[in-house]
Amino acid sequence: MQPDKCMYLHLFESDNTGYDLVLSSQDADYESDGKTWPGKFAMLEDKVVDDEAQQWYWNEGDGSLRNGANPDYRLDIITGWVYLANISKAKEAGTADFPT
């Protein structure tokens, strides 16, 4: 990986199919029980070259992966789910936990 260079995170199993599946992020923050959480689900989608939600950048300083569409969020795993998490907003909201 090269710092601050665009890359796509491909699903290895899609190499043997007609689909080029890459990791992407949803547009809006996750909502549960009427409360919005500072995180977005990550999911697999068919690759679209100019879709910033599918473009990833490695930050060498803190070792995080960030998304082109959501530069304030970082890729994280919370309670077994892959999220893009905005840690600073989670601390402001008084919670570091995301719903399951």
PDB file of N, CA and C in Angstrom:
ATOM      1  N   MET A   1       0.843  -1.176   0.000  1.00  0.00           N
ATOM      2  CA  MET A   1       0.000   0.000   0.000  1.00  0.00           C
ATOM      3  C   MET A   1       0.888   1.238   0.000  1.00  0.00           C
ATOM      4  N   GLN A   2       0.445   2.226  -0.731  1.00  0.00           N
ATOM      5  CA  GLN A   2       1.152   3.494  -0.761  1.00  0.00           C
ATOM      6  C   GLN A   2       0.292   4.541  -0.061  1.00  0.00           C
ATOM      7  N   PRO A   3       0.883   5.326   0.834  1.00  0.00           N
ATOM      8  CA  PRO A   3       0.111   6.335   1.561  1.00  0.00           C
ATOM      9  C   PRO A   3      -0.569   7.329   0.625  1.00  0.00           C
ATOM     10  N   ASP A   4      -1.810   7.639   0.937  1.00  0.00           N
ATOM     11  CA  ASP A   4      -2.600   8.661   0.240  1.00  0.00           C
ATOM     12  C   ASP A   4      -2.728   8.439  -1.265  1.00  0.00           C
ATOM     13  N   LYS A   5      -2.674   7.189  -1.717  1.00  0.00           N
ATOM     14  CA  LYS A   5      -2.906   6.828  -3.115  1.00  0.00           C
ATOM     15  C   LYS A   5      -4.208   6.035  -3.190  1.00  0.00           C
ATOM     16  N   CYS A   6      -5.037   6.360  -4.150  1.00  0.00           N
ATOM     17  CA  CYS A   6      -6.330   5.700  -4.304  1.00  0.00           C
ATOM     18  C   CYS A   6      -6.142   4.212  -4.594  1.00  0.00           C
ATOM     19  N   MET A   7      -6.955   3.387  -3.929  1.00  0.00           N
ATOM     20  CA  MET A   7      -6.946   1.949  -4.185  1.00  0.00           C
ATOM     21  C   MET A   7      -8.355   1.408  -3.982  1.00  0.00           C
ATOM     22  N   TYR A   8      -8.574   0.220  -4.486  1.00  0.00           N
ATOM     23  CA  TYR A   8      -9.851  -0.465  -4.330  1.00  0.00           C
ATOM     24  C   TYR A   8      -9.597  -1.751  -3.558  1.00  0.00           C
ATOM     25  N   LEU A   9     -10.483  -2.071  -2.629  1.00  0.00           N
ATOM     26  CA  LEU A   9     -10.358  -3.287  -1.832  1.00  0.00           C
ATOM     27  C   LEU A   9     -11.264  -4.348  -2.454  1.00  0.00           C
ATOM     28  N   HIS A  10     -10.667  -5.253  -3.201  1.00  0.00           N
ATOM     29  CA  HIS A  10     -11.389  -6.264  -3.970  1.00  0.00           C
ATOM     30  C   HIS A  10     -11.684  -7.506  -3.133  1.00  0.00           C
ATOM     31  N   LEU A  11     -12.815  -8.121  -3.398  1.00  0.00           N
ATOM     32  CA  LEU A  11     -13.157  -9.410  -2.814  1.00  0.00           C
ATOM     33  C   LEU A  11     -12.425 -10.481  -3.610  1.00  0.00           C
ATOM     34  N   PHE A  12     -11.568 -11.226  -2.951  1.00  0.00           N
ATOM     35  CA  PHE A  12     -10.746 -12.238  -3.612  1.00  0.00           C
ATOM     36  C   PHE A  12     -11.598 -13.242  -4.392  1.00  0.00           C
ATOM     37  N   GLU A  13     -12.727 -13.663  -3.824  1.00  0.00           N
ATOM     38  CA  GLU A  13     -13.575 -14.658  -4.471  1.00  0.00           C
ATOM     39  C   GLU A  13     -14.179 -14.162  -5.773  1.00  0.00           C
ATOM     40  N   SER A  14     -14.256 -12.853  -5.981  1.00  0.00           N
ATOM     41  CA  SER A  14     -14.850 -12.340  -7.213  1.00  0.00           C
ATOM     42  C   SER A  14     -13.915 -12.484  -8.411  1.00  0.00           C
ATOM     43  N   ASP A  15     -12.658 -12.901  -8.182  1.00  0.00           N
ATOM     44  CA  ASP A  15     -11.722 -13.126  -9.282  1.00  0.00           C
ATOM     45  C   ASP A  15     -12.216 -14.202 -10.240  1.00  0.00           C
ATOM     46  N   ASN A  16     -13.006 -15.146  -9.748  1.00  0.00           N
ATOM     47  CA  ASN A  16     -13.482 -16.264 -10.567  1.00  0.00           C
ATOM     48  C   ASN A  16     -14.919 -16.072 -11.036  1.00  0.00           C
ATOM     49  N   THR A  17     -15.405 -14.845 -10.990  1.00  0.00           N
ATOM     50  CA  THR A  17     -16.770 -14.562 -11.434  1.00  0.00           C
ATOM     51  C   THR A  17     -16.737 -13.424 -12.449  1.00  0.00           C
ATOM     52  N   GLY A  18     -17.875 -13.088 -12.970  1.00  0.00           N
ATOM     53  CA  GLY A  18     -17.987 -11.967 -13.901  1.00  0.00           C
ATOM     54  C   GLY A  18     -18.145 -10.633 -13.195  1.00  0.00           C
ATOM     55  N   TYR A  19     -18.103 -10.642 -11.857  1.00  0.00           N
ATOM     56  CA  TYR A  19     -18.294  -9.420 -11.078  1.00  0.00           C
ATOM     57  C   TYR A  19     -16.980  -9.012 -10.428  1.00  0.00           C
ATOM     58  N   ASP A  20     -16.698  -7.732 -10.440  1.00  0.00           N
ATOM     59  CA  ASP A  20     -15.532  -7.196  -9.746  1.00  0.00           C
ATOM     60  C   ASP A  20     -16.056  -6.502  -8.500  1.00  0.00           C
ATOM     61  N   LEU A  21     -16.155  -7.248  -7.390  1.00  0.00           N
ATOM     62  CA  LEU A  21     -16.733  -6.715  -6.155  1.00  0.00           C
ATOM     63  C   LEU A  21     -15.667  -6.023  -5.321  1.00  0.00           C
ATOM     64  N   VAL A  22     -16.004  -4.805  -4.878  1.00  0.00           N
ATOM     65  CA  VAL A  22     -15.086  -4.013  -4.057  1.00  0.00           C
ATOM     66  C   VAL A  22     -15.830  -3.505  -2.827  1.00  0.00           C
ATOM     67  N   LEU A  23     -15.074  -3.134  -1.803  1.00  0.00           N
ATOM     68  CA  LEU A  23     -15.662  -2.590  -0.580  1.00  0.00           C
ATOM     69  C   LEU A  23     -16.125  -1.165  -0.832  1.00  0.00           C
ATOM     70  N   SER A  24     -17.321  -0.861  -0.372  1.00  0.00           N
ATOM     71  CA  SER A  24     -17.930   0.449  -0.556  1.00  0.00           C
ATOM     72  C   SER A  24     -18.581   0.877   0.753  1.00  0.00           C
ATOM     73  N   SER A  25     -19.064   2.111   0.808  1.00  0.00           N
ATOM     74  CA  SER A  25     -19.745   2.579   2.014  1.00  0.00           C
ATOM     75  C   SER A  25     -21.119   3.123   1.662  1.00  0.00           C
ATOM     76  N   GLN A  26     -22.024   3.077   2.636  1.00  0.00           N
ATOM     77  CA  GLN A  26     -23.342   3.640   2.417  1.00  0.00           C
ATOM     78  C   GLN A  26     -23.274   5.161   2.546  1.00  0.00           C
ATOM     79  N   ASP A  27     -24.309   5.847   2.071  1.00  0.00           N
ATOM     80  CA  ASP A  27     -24.306   7.312   2.063  1.00  0.00           C
ATOM     81  C   ASP A  27     -24.550   7.931   3.437  1.00  0.00           C
ATOM     82  N   ALA A  28     -25.533   7.434   4.139  1.00  0.00           N
ATOM     83  CA  ALA A  28     -25.964   8.069   5.392  1.00  0.00           C
ATOM     84  C   ALA A  28     -25.442   7.319   6.611  1.00  0.00           C
ATOM     85  N   ASP A  29     -25.347   8.038   7.735  1.00  0.00           N
ATOM     86  CA  ASP A  29     -24.978   7.407   8.991  1.00  0.00           C
ATOM     87  C   ASP A  29     -26.056   6.403   9.393  1.00  0.00           C
ATOM     88  N   TYR A  30     -25.644   5.398  10.151  1.00  0.00           N
ATOM     89  CA  TYR A  30     -26.536   4.330  10.601  1.00  0.00           C
ATOM     90  C   TYR A  30     -27.544   4.878  11.599  1.00  0.00           C
ATOM     91  N   GLU A  31     -28.812   4.471  11.457  1.00  0.00           N
ATOM     92  CA  GLU A  31     -29.860   4.875  12.391  1.00  0.00           C
ATOM     93  C   GLU A  31     -30.463   3.646  13.048  1.00  0.00           C
ATOM     94  N   SER A  32     -30.682   3.743  14.359  1.00  0.00           N
ATOM     95  CA  SER A  32     -31.294   2.657  15.104  1.00  0.00           C
ATOM     96  C   SER A  32     -32.108   3.240  16.243  1.00  0.00           C
ATOM     97  N   ASP A  33     -33.331   2.780  16.389  1.00  0.00           N
ATOM     98  CA  ASP A  33     -34.221   3.240  17.461  1.00  0.00           C
ATOM     99  C   ASP A  33     -34.340   4.756  17.488  1.00  0.00           C
ATOM    100  N   GLY A  34     -34.401   5.387  16.315  1.00  0.00           N
ATOM    101  CA  GLY A  34     -34.569   6.832  16.228  1.00  0.00           C
ATOM    102  C   GLY A  34     -33.320   7.634  16.511  1.00  0.00           C
ATOM    103  N   LYS A  35     -32.199   6.960  16.710  1.00  0.00           N
ATOM    104  CA  LYS A  35     -30.947   7.656  17.010  1.00  0.00           C
ATOM    105  C   LYS A  35     -29.962   7.432  15.861  1.00  0.00           C
ATOM    106  N   THR A  36     -29.297   8.504  15.442  1.00  0.00           N
ATOM    107  CA  THR A  36     -28.297   8.402  14.392  1.00  0.00           C
ATOM    108  C   THR A  36     -26.941   8.179  15.036  1.00  0.00           C
ATOM    109  N   TRP A  37     -26.210   7.189  14.548  1.00  0.00           N
ATOM    110  CA  TRP A  37     -24.895   6.850  15.077  1.00  0.00           C
ATOM    111  C   TRP A  37     -23.818   7.335  14.108  1.00  0.00           C
ATOM    112  N   PRO A  38     -22.686   7.761  14.607  1.00  0.00           N
ATOM    113  CA  PRO A  38     -21.611   8.277  13.742  1.00  0.00           C
ATOM    114  C   PRO A  38     -20.837   7.169  13.049  1.00  0.00           C
ATOM    115  N   GLY A  39     -21.541   6.396  12.247  1.00  0.00           N
ATOM    116  CA  GLY A  39     -20.911   5.313  11.514  1.00  0.00           C
ATOM    117  C   GLY A  39     -21.743   4.907  10.312  1.00  0.00           C
ATOM    118  N   LYS A  40     -21.082   4.366   9.315  1.00  0.00           N
ATOM    119  CA  LYS A  40     -21.738   3.915   8.097  1.00  0.00           C
ATOM    120  C   LYS A  40     -21.357   2.466   7.864  1.00  0.00           C
ATOM    121  N   PHE A  41     -22.300   1.657   7.398  1.00  0.00           N
ATOM    122  CA  PHE A  41     -21.980   0.279   7.057  1.00  0.00           C
ATOM    123  C   PHE A  41     -21.090   0.246   5.829  1.00  0.00           C
ATOM    124  N   ALA A  42     -20.200  -0.706   5.777  1.00  0.00           N
ATOM    125  CA  ALA A  42     -19.417  -0.998   4.582  1.00  0.00           C
ATOM    126  C   ALA A  42     -20.033  -2.233   3.936  1.00  0.00           C
ATOM    127  N   MET A  43     -20.004  -2.294   2.606  1.00  0.00           N
ATOM    128  CA  MET A  43     -20.627  -3.404   1.892  1.00  0.00           C
ATOM    129  C   MET A  43     -19.869  -3.666   0.605  1.00  0.00           C
ATOM    130  N   LEU A  44     -20.163  -4.776  -0.031  1.00  0.00           N
ATOM    131  CA  LEU A  44     -19.556  -5.111  -1.316  1.00  0.00           C
ATOM    132  C   LEU A  44     -20.474  -4.680  -2.448  1.00  0.00           C
ATOM    133  N   GLU A  45     -19.892  -4.024  -3.448  1.00  0.00           N
ATOM    134  CA  GLU A  45     -20.640  -3.593  -4.625  1.00  0.00           C
ATOM    135  C   GLU A  45     -19.813  -3.842  -5.869  1.00  0.00           C
ATOM    136  N   ASP A  46     -20.488  -3.877  -7.007  1.00  0.00           N
ATOM    137  CA  ASP A  46     -19.796  -3.986  -8.287  1.00  0.00           C
ATOM    138  C   ASP A  46     -18.966  -2.716  -8.484  1.00  0.00           C
ATOM    139  N   LYS A  47     -17.730  -2.859  -8.917  1.00  0.00           N
ATOM    140  CA  LYS A  47     -16.805  -1.736  -9.022  1.00  0.00           C
ATOM    141  C   LYS A  47     -17.277  -0.701 -10.049  1.00  0.00           C
ATOM    142  N   VAL A  48     -17.257   0.576  -9.627  1.00  0.00           N
ATOM    143  CA  VAL A  48     -17.526   1.722 -10.482  1.00  0.00           C
ATOM    144  C   VAL A  48     -16.337   2.661 -10.284  1.00  0.00           C
ATOM    145  N   VAL A  49     -15.548   2.868 -11.316  1.00  0.00           N
ATOM    146  CA  VAL A  49     -14.260   3.560 -11.180  1.00  0.00           C
ATOM    147  C   VAL A  49     -14.378   4.957 -10.596  1.00  0.00           C
ATOM    148  N   ASP A  50     -15.389   5.728 -10.939  1.00  0.00           N
ATOM    149  CA  ASP A  50     -15.468   7.109 -10.451  1.00  0.00           C
ATOM    150  C   ASP A  50     -16.334   7.277  -9.199  1.00  0.00           C
ATOM    151  N   ASP A  51     -16.661   6.189  -8.518  1.00  0.00           N
ATOM    152  CA  ASP A  51     -17.467   6.242  -7.291  1.00  0.00           C
ATOM    153  C   ASP A  51     -16.532   6.415  -6.087  1.00  0.00           C
ATOM    154  N   GLU A  52     -16.562   7.594  -5.473  1.00  0.00           N
ATOM    155  CA  GLU A  52     -15.678   7.872  -4.331  1.00  0.00           C
ATOM    156  C   GLU A  52     -15.960   6.982  -3.137  1.00  0.00           C
ATOM    157  N   ALA A  53     -17.169   6.451  -3.009  1.00  0.00           N
ATOM    158  CA  ALA A  53     -17.507   5.561  -1.901  1.00  0.00           C
ATOM    159  C   ALA A  53     -16.750   4.237  -1.994  1.00  0.00           C
ATOM    160  N   GLN A  54     -16.156   3.948  -3.161  1.00  0.00           N
ATOM    161  CA  GLN A  54     -15.393   2.718  -3.362  1.00  0.00           C
ATOM    162  C   GLN A  54     -13.884   2.971  -3.374  1.00  0.00           C
ATOM    163  N   GLN A  55     -13.469   4.202  -3.245  1.00  0.00           N
ATOM    164  CA  GLN A  55     -12.047   4.546  -3.290  1.00  0.00           C
ATOM    165  C   GLN A  55     -11.510   4.642  -1.861  1.00  0.00           C
ATOM    166  N   TRP A  56     -10.378   3.998  -1.625  1.00  0.00           N
ATOM    167  CA  TRP A  56      -9.799   3.916  -0.289  1.00  0.00           C
ATOM    168  C   TRP A  56      -8.390   4.496  -0.286  1.00  0.00           C
ATOM    169  N   TYR A  57      -8.021   5.081   0.860  1.00  0.00           N
ATOM    170  CA  TYR A  57      -6.717   5.710   1.031  1.00  0.00           C
ATOM    171  C   TYR A  57      -6.142   5.276   2.368  1.00  0.00           C
ATOM    172  N   TRP A  58      -4.895   4.869   2.364  1.00  0.00           N
ATOM    173  CA  TRP A  58      -4.219   4.463   3.592  1.00  0.00           C
ATOM    174  C   TRP A  58      -3.493   5.664   4.176  1.00  0.00           C
ATOM    175  N   ASN A  59      -3.724   5.935   5.462  1.00  0.00           N
ATOM    176  CA  ASN A  59      -3.056   7.013   6.176  1.00  0.00           C
ATOM    177  C   ASN A  59      -1.888   6.401   6.929  1.00  0.00           C
ATOM    178  N   GLU A  60      -0.682   6.696   6.486  1.00  0.00           N
ATOM    179  CA  GLU A  60       0.507   6.109   7.093  1.00  0.00           C
ATOM    180  C   GLU A  60       0.700   6.575   8.539  1.00  0.00           C
ATOM    181  N   GLY A  61       0.288   7.787   8.846  1.00  0.00           N
ATOM    182  CA  GLY A  61       0.475   8.341  10.185  1.00  0.00           C
ATOM    183  C   GLY A  61      -0.237   7.575  11.281  1.00  0.00           C
ATOM    184  N   ASP A  62      -1.510   7.234  11.048  1.00  0.00           N
ATOM    185  CA  ASP A  62      -2.255   6.514  12.096  1.00  0.00           C
ATOM    186  C   ASP A  62      -2.620   5.081  11.685  1.00  0.00           C
ATOM    187  N   GLY A  63      -2.211   4.662  10.486  1.00  0.00           N
ATOM    188  CA  GLY A  63      -2.453   3.290  10.048  1.00  0.00           C
ATOM    189  C   GLY A  63      -3.893   2.988   9.682  1.00  0.00           C
ATOM    190  N   SER A  64      -4.686   4.021   9.412  1.00  0.00           N
ATOM    191  CA  SER A  64      -6.103   3.803   9.120  1.00  0.00           C
ATOM    192  C   SER A  64      -6.368   3.808   7.623  1.00  0.00           C
ATOM    193  N   LEU A  65      -7.492   3.208   7.260  1.00  0.00           N
ATOM    194  CA  LEU A  65      -8.000   3.268   5.889  1.00  0.00           C
ATOM    195  C   LEU A  65      -9.171   4.224   5.880  1.00  0.00           C
ATOM    196  N   ARG A  66      -9.134   5.163   4.957  1.00  0.00           N
ATOM    197  CA  ARG A  66     -10.202   6.157   4.834  1.00  0.00           C
ATOM    198  C   ARG A  66     -10.825   6.059   3.455  1.00  0.00           C
ATOM    199  N   ASN A  67     -12.045   6.495   3.364  1.00  0.00           N
ATOM    200  CA  ASN A  67     -12.847   6.394   2.157  1.00  0.00           C
ATOM    201  C   ASN A  67     -12.879   7.748   1.455  1.00  0.00           C
ATOM    202  N   GLY A  68     -12.837   7.765   0.110  1.00  0.00           N
ATOM    203  CA  GLY A  68     -12.854   9.015  -0.641  1.00  0.00           C
ATOM    204  C   GLY A  68     -14.109   9.836  -0.410  1.00  0.00           C
ATOM    205  N   ALA A  69     -15.259   9.200  -0.243  1.00  0.00           N
ATOM    206  CA  ALA A  69     -16.520   9.906  -0.036  1.00  0.00           C
ATOM    207  C   ALA A  69     -16.699  10.363   1.411  1.00  0.00           C
ATOM    208  N   ASN A  70     -15.960   9.748   2.343  1.00  0.00           N
ATOM    209  CA  ASN A  70     -16.117  10.043   3.776  1.00  0.00           C
ATOM    210  C   ASN A  70     -14.743  10.192   4.427  1.00  0.00           C
ATOM    211  N   PRO A  71     -14.006  11.254   4.114  1.00  0.00           N
ATOM    212  CA  PRO A  71     -12.632  11.360   4.600  1.00  0.00           C
ATOM    213  C   PRO A  71     -12.501  11.499   6.123  1.00  0.00           C
ATOM    214  N   ASP A  72     -13.568  11.877   6.819  1.00  0.00           N
ATOM    215  CA  ASP A  72     -13.510  12.006   8.281  1.00  0.00           C
ATOM    216  C   ASP A  72     -13.781  10.683   8.989  1.00  0.00           C
ATOM    217  N   TYR A  73     -14.118   9.658   8.249  1.00  0.00           N
ATOM    218  CA  TYR A  73     -14.426   8.345   8.803  1.00  0.00           C
ATOM    219  C   TYR A  73     -13.270   7.393   8.518  1.00  0.00           C
ATOM    220  N   ARG A  74     -13.098   6.396   9.382  1.00  0.00           N
ATOM    221  CA  ARG A  74     -12.063   5.389   9.139  1.00  0.00           C
ATOM    222  C   ARG A  74     -12.686   3.997   9.206  1.00  0.00           C
ATOM    223  N   LEU A  75     -12.075   3.078   8.467  1.00  0.00           N
ATOM    224  CA  LEU A  75     -12.577   1.707   8.434  1.00  0.00           C
ATOM    225  C   LEU A  75     -12.293   1.040   9.767  1.00  0.00           C
ATOM    226  N   ASP A  76     -13.303   0.387  10.335  1.00  0.00           N
ATOM    227  CA  ASP A  76     -13.170  -0.234  11.645  1.00  0.00           C
ATOM    228  C   ASP A  76     -14.098  -1.441  11.709  1.00  0.00           C
ATOM    229  N   ILE A  77     -13.838  -2.308  12.646  1.00  0.00           N
ATOM    230  CA  ILE A  77     -14.730  -3.438  12.910  1.00  0.00           C
ATOM    231  C   ILE A  77     -15.249  -3.261  14.328  1.00  0.00           C
ATOM    232  N   ILE A  78     -16.565  -3.199  14.444  1.00  0.00           N
ATOM    233  CA  ILE A  78     -17.187  -2.987  15.745  1.00  0.00           C
ATOM    234  C   ILE A  78     -18.240  -4.067  15.931  1.00  0.00           C
ATOM    235  N   THR A  79     -18.117  -4.837  16.981  1.00  0.00           N
ATOM    236  CA  THR A  79     -19.014  -5.952  17.308  1.00  0.00           C
ATOM    237  C   THR A  79     -19.256  -6.864  16.105  1.00  0.00           C
ATOM    238  N   GLY A  80     -18.208  -7.134  15.335  1.00  0.00           N
ATOM    239  CA  GLY A  80     -18.293  -8.060  14.225  1.00  0.00           C
ATOM    240  C   GLY A  80     -18.775  -7.479  12.912  1.00  0.00           C
ATOM    241  N   TRP A  81     -19.118  -6.205  12.875  1.00  0.00           N
ATOM    242  CA  TRP A  81     -19.580  -5.549  11.654  1.00  0.00           C
ATOM    243  C   TRP A  81     -18.492  -4.618  11.143  1.00  0.00           C
ATOM    244  N   VAL A  82     -18.360  -4.520   9.817  1.00  0.00           N
ATOM    245  CA  VAL A  82     -17.405  -3.588   9.223  1.00  0.00           C
ATOM    246  C   VAL A  82     -18.116  -2.250   9.054  1.00  0.00           C
ATOM    247  N   TYR A  83     -17.554  -1.221   9.654  1.00  0.00           N
ATOM    248  CA  TYR A  83     -18.112   0.123   9.631  1.00  0.00           C
ATOM    249  C   TYR A  83     -17.084   1.116   9.127  1.00  0.00           C
ATOM    250  N   LEU A  84     -17.589   2.234   8.674  1.00  0.00           N
ATOM    251  CA  LEU A  84     -16.787   3.446   8.582  1.00  0.00           C
ATOM    252  C   LEU A  84     -17.211   4.243   9.792  1.00  0.00           C
ATOM    253  N   ALA A  85     -16.305   4.499  10.689  1.00  0.00           N
ATOM    254  CA  ALA A  85     -16.643   5.129  11.964  1.00  0.00           C
ATOM    255  C   ALA A  85     -16.032   6.512  12.067  1.00  0.00           C
ATOM    256  N   ASN A  86     -16.823   7.455  12.545  1.00  0.00           N
ATOM    257  CA  ASN A  86     -16.335   8.797  12.832  1.00  0.00           C
ATOM    258  C   ASN A  86     -16.123   8.862  14.338  1.00  0.00           C
ATOM    259  N   ILE A  87     -14.913   8.533  14.759  1.00  0.00           N
ATOM    260  CA  ILE A  87     -14.611   8.406  16.191  1.00  0.00           C
ATOM    261  C   ILE A  87     -14.801   9.724  16.936  1.00  0.00           C
ATOM    262  N   SER A  88     -14.431  10.856  16.326  1.00  0.00           N
ATOM    263  CA  SER A  88     -14.578  12.141  17.020  1.00  0.00           C
ATOM    264  C   SER A  88     -16.045  12.439  17.313  1.00  0.00           C
ATOM    265  N   LYS A  89     -16.950  12.125  16.394  1.00  0.00           N
ATOM    266  CA  LYS A  89     -18.377  12.340  16.640  1.00  0.00           C
ATOM    267  C   LYS A  89     -18.910  11.375  17.688  1.00  0.00           C
ATOM    268  N   ALA A  90     -18.381  10.156  17.731  1.00  0.00           N
ATOM    269  CA  ALA A  90     -18.823   9.187  18.734  1.00  0.00           C
ATOM    270  C   ALA A  90     -18.475   9.690  20.126  1.00  0.00           C
ATOM    271  N   LYS A  91     -17.300  10.269  20.278  1.00  0.00           N
ATOM    272  CA  LYS A  91     -16.901  10.800  21.589  1.00  0.00           C
ATOM    273  C   LYS A  91     -17.752  12.003  21.965  1.00  0.00           C
ATOM    274  N   GLU A  92     -18.065  12.863  20.986  1.00  0.00           N
ATOM    275  CA  GLU A  92     -18.925  14.030  21.247  1.00  0.00           C
ATOM    276  C   GLU A  92     -20.322  13.593  21.672  1.00  0.00           C
ATOM    277  N   ALA A  93     -20.809  12.517  21.077  1.00  0.00           N
ATOM    278  CA  ALA A  93     -22.153  12.033  21.394  1.00  0.00           C
ATOM    279  C   ALA A  93     -22.187  11.304  22.732  1.00  0.00           C
ATOM    280  N   GLY A  94     -21.033  11.061  23.316  1.00  0.00           N
ATOM    281  CA  GLY A  94     -20.983  10.403  24.615  1.00  0.00           C
ATOM    282  C   GLY A  94     -20.992   8.896  24.541  1.00  0.00           C
ATOM    283  N   THR A  95     -20.761   8.347  23.373  1.00  0.00           N
ATOM    284  CA  THR A  95     -20.730   6.906  23.249  1.00  0.00           C
ATOM    285  C   THR A  95     -19.628   6.496  22.292  1.00  0.00           C
ATOM    286  N   ALA A  96     -18.900   5.482  22.643  1.00  0.00           N
ATOM    287  CA  ALA A  96     -17.890   4.909  21.745  1.00  0.00           C
ATOM    288  C   ALA A  96     -18.422   3.611  21.152  1.00  0.00           C
ATOM    289  N   ASP A  97     -19.602   3.169  21.614  1.00  0.00           N
ATOM    290  CA  ASP A  97     -20.184   1.915  21.144  1.00  0.00           C
ATOM    291  C   ASP A  97     -21.182   2.164  20.028  1.00  0.00           C
ATOM    292  N   PHE A  98     -21.187   1.290  19.062  1.00  0.00           N
ATOM    293  CA  PHE A  98     -22.149   1.337  17.990  1.00  0.00           C
ATOM    294  C   PHE A  98     -23.148   0.198  18.200  1.00  0.00           C
ATOM    295  N   PRO A  99     -24.380   0.383  17.749  1.00  0.00           N
ATOM    296  CA  PRO A  99     -25.364  -0.689  17.929  1.00  0.00           C
ATOM    297  C   PRO A  99     -25.039  -1.914  17.103  1.00  0.00           C
ATOM    298  N   THR A 100     -25.523  -3.059  17.549  1.00  0.00           N
ATOM    299  CA  THR A 100     -25.307  -4.303  16.797  1.00  0.00           C
ATOM    300  C   THR A 100     -26.535  -4.613  15.983  1.00  0.00           C
TER     301      THR A 100
END
